[in-house]
Amino acid sequence: MISKNLSAATTKAIILGILKHRKNYGYLILRNIKEISGGRIEWSDGMLYPVLHRLENDGFIRSEWKMSEESRPRKYYMITNAGRRELINEKEQWRQINSVLLKIWKLNP
């Protein structure tokens, strides 16, 4: 299991990355994260929705309600152009962090 602190640090990159492929609603985002991570990352509603609201307030995602004949209305989230640019920025930052960690771990004591 991945620590809560590390998981929390990756929320923006993970959510934007998932929404880059298609719009999704909260439950499916949670399920995608769990599946993609092989169960190592398991977020709760209480962790996801505040991040979604923050990303929406920052203009990185937008939402819309969709009615369904089979179920209750669902709020779908989709990435914006600003969100796509932010995802590129997030990817570069994580590449840099990964590069530093790999160099540190290869050091001989």
Protein backbone atom coordinates (compact mmCIF):
# COMPACT_ATOMS: atom_id res chain seq x y z
CA MET A 1 0.00 0.00 0.00
CA ILE A 2 1.27 3.48 -0.87
CA SER A 3 1.45 5.96 2.02
CA LYS A 4 -1.32 8.53 2.34
CA ASN A 5 1.17 11.41 2.09
CA LEU A 6 2.66 10.19 -1.16
CA SER A 7 -0.78 9.35 -2.52
CA ALA A 8 -2.03 12.83 -1.63
CA ALA A 9 0.94 14.42 -3.40
CA THR A 10 0.00 12.69 -6.64
CA THR A 11 -3.73 13.48 -6.73
CA LYS A 12 -3.60 16.24 -9.34
CA ALA A 13 -1.43 14.27 -11.77
CA ILE A 14 -3.47 11.09 -11.35
CA ILE A 15 -6.88 12.71 -11.76
CA LEU A 16 -5.86 14.83 -14.74
CA GLY A 17 -4.23 11.77 -16.30
CA ILE A 18 -7.40 9.72 -15.95
CA LEU A 19 -9.62 12.51 -17.27
CA LYS A 20 -7.29 13.06 -20.23
CA HIS A 21 -8.66 9.84 -21.73
CA ARG A 22 -12.39 10.40 -21.16
CA LYS A 23 -14.89 12.14 -18.93
CA ASN A 24 -15.75 10.26 -15.80
CA TYR A 25 -17.80 10.51 -12.62
CA GLY A 26 -16.47 10.15 -9.09
CA TYR A 27 -17.09 6.46 -8.48
CA LEU A 28 -15.48 5.50 -11.80
CA ILE A 29 -12.46 7.70 -11.08
CA LEU A 30 -11.99 5.90 -7.75
CA ARG A 31 -12.38 2.52 -9.44
CA ASN A 32 -9.91 3.46 -12.21
CA ILE A 33 -7.30 4.53 -9.66
CA LYS A 34 -7.67 1.29 -7.72
CA GLU A 35 -7.51 -0.85 -10.89
CA ILE A 36 -4.59 0.99 -12.51
CA SER A 37 -2.58 0.88 -9.28
CA GLY A 38 -3.28 -2.80 -8.73
CA GLY A 39 -5.02 -1.91 -5.48
CA ARG A 40 -2.00 -0.05 -4.07
CA ILE A 41 -3.85 3.28 -4.19
CA GLU A 42 -7.34 3.31 -2.77
CA TRP A 43 -8.89 6.71 -2.26
CA SER A 44 -12.10 7.48 -0.42
CA ASP A 45 -14.89 9.82 -1.50
CA GLY A 46 -13.69 12.16 1.24
CA MET A 47 -10.31 12.43 -0.43
CA LEU A 48 -11.46 12.59 -4.05
CA TYR A 49 -14.23 15.19 -4.05
CA PRO A 50 -12.32 18.04 -2.41
CA VAL A 51 -9.56 17.56 -5.01
CA LEU A 52 -12.12 17.53 -7.84
CA HIS A 53 -13.64 20.76 -6.51
CA ARG A 54 -10.20 22.37 -6.23
CA LEU A 55 -9.26 21.32 -9.78
CA GLU A 56 -12.57 22.71 -11.03
CA ASN A 57 -12.04 26.01 -9.18
CA ASP A 58 -8.55 26.22 -10.69
CA GLY A 59 -10.02 25.74 -14.18
CA PHE A 60 -8.26 22.41 -14.85
CA ILE A 61 -11.47 20.42 -15.09
CA ARG A 62 -15.15 21.18 -15.60
CA SER A 63 -18.23 19.22 -14.70
CA GLU A 64 -21.73 18.61 -15.95
CA TRP A 65 -24.68 16.65 -14.68
CA LYS A 66 -25.95 13.84 -16.88
CA MET A 67 -29.33 12.22 -16.49
CA SER A 68 -29.57 8.49 -16.93
CA GLU A 69 -32.62 6.31 -17.44
CA GLU A 70 -31.06 3.42 -15.50
CA SER A 71 -29.72 5.34 -12.50
CA ARG A 72 -29.67 8.64 -10.69
CA PRO A 73 -28.08 11.76 -12.21
CA ARG A 74 -24.28 11.73 -12.19
CA LYS A 75 -21.80 14.57 -12.20
CA TYR A 76 -19.22 13.95 -14.92
CA TYR A 77 -15.81 15.60 -14.87
CA MET A 78 -13.71 16.39 -17.93
CA ILE A 79 -10.31 17.95 -18.44
CA THR A 80 -10.05 21.47 -19.88
CA ASN A 81 -7.34 22.87 -22.15
CA ALA A 82 -5.78 24.49 -19.07
CA GLY A 83 -5.91 21.07 -17.40
CA ARG A 84 -4.10 19.48 -20.35
CA ARG A 85 -1.35 22.09 -20.04
CA GLU A 86 -1.18 21.52 -16.28
CA LEU A 87 -0.91 17.77 -16.84
CA ILE A 88 2.13 18.35 -19.08
CA ASN A 89 3.64 20.47 -16.29
CA GLU A 90 2.84 17.79 -13.67
CA LYS A 91 4.41 15.07 -15.82
CA GLU A 92 7.62 17.06 -16.18
CA GLN A 93 7.82 17.71 -12.45
CA TRP A 94 7.31 14.00 -11.67
CA ARG A 95 9.94 13.05 -14.27
CA GLN A 96 12.40 15.37 -12.52
CA ILE A 97 11.59 13.94 -9.07
CA ASN A 98 11.94 10.41 -10.45
CA SER A 99 15.32 11.29 -12.00
CA VAL A 100 16.61 12.67 -8.71
CA LEU A 101 15.42 9.62 -6.77
CA LEU A 102 17.04 7.22 -9.23
CA LYS A 103 20.34 9.06 -8.95
CA ILE A 104 20.20 9.07 -5.16
CA TRP A 105 19.36 5.37 -4.97
CA LYS A 106 22.28 4.49 -7.26
CA LEU A 107 24.81 6.29 -5.03
CA ASN A 108 27.30 4.04 -3.29
CA PRO A 109 27.66 4.79 0.42
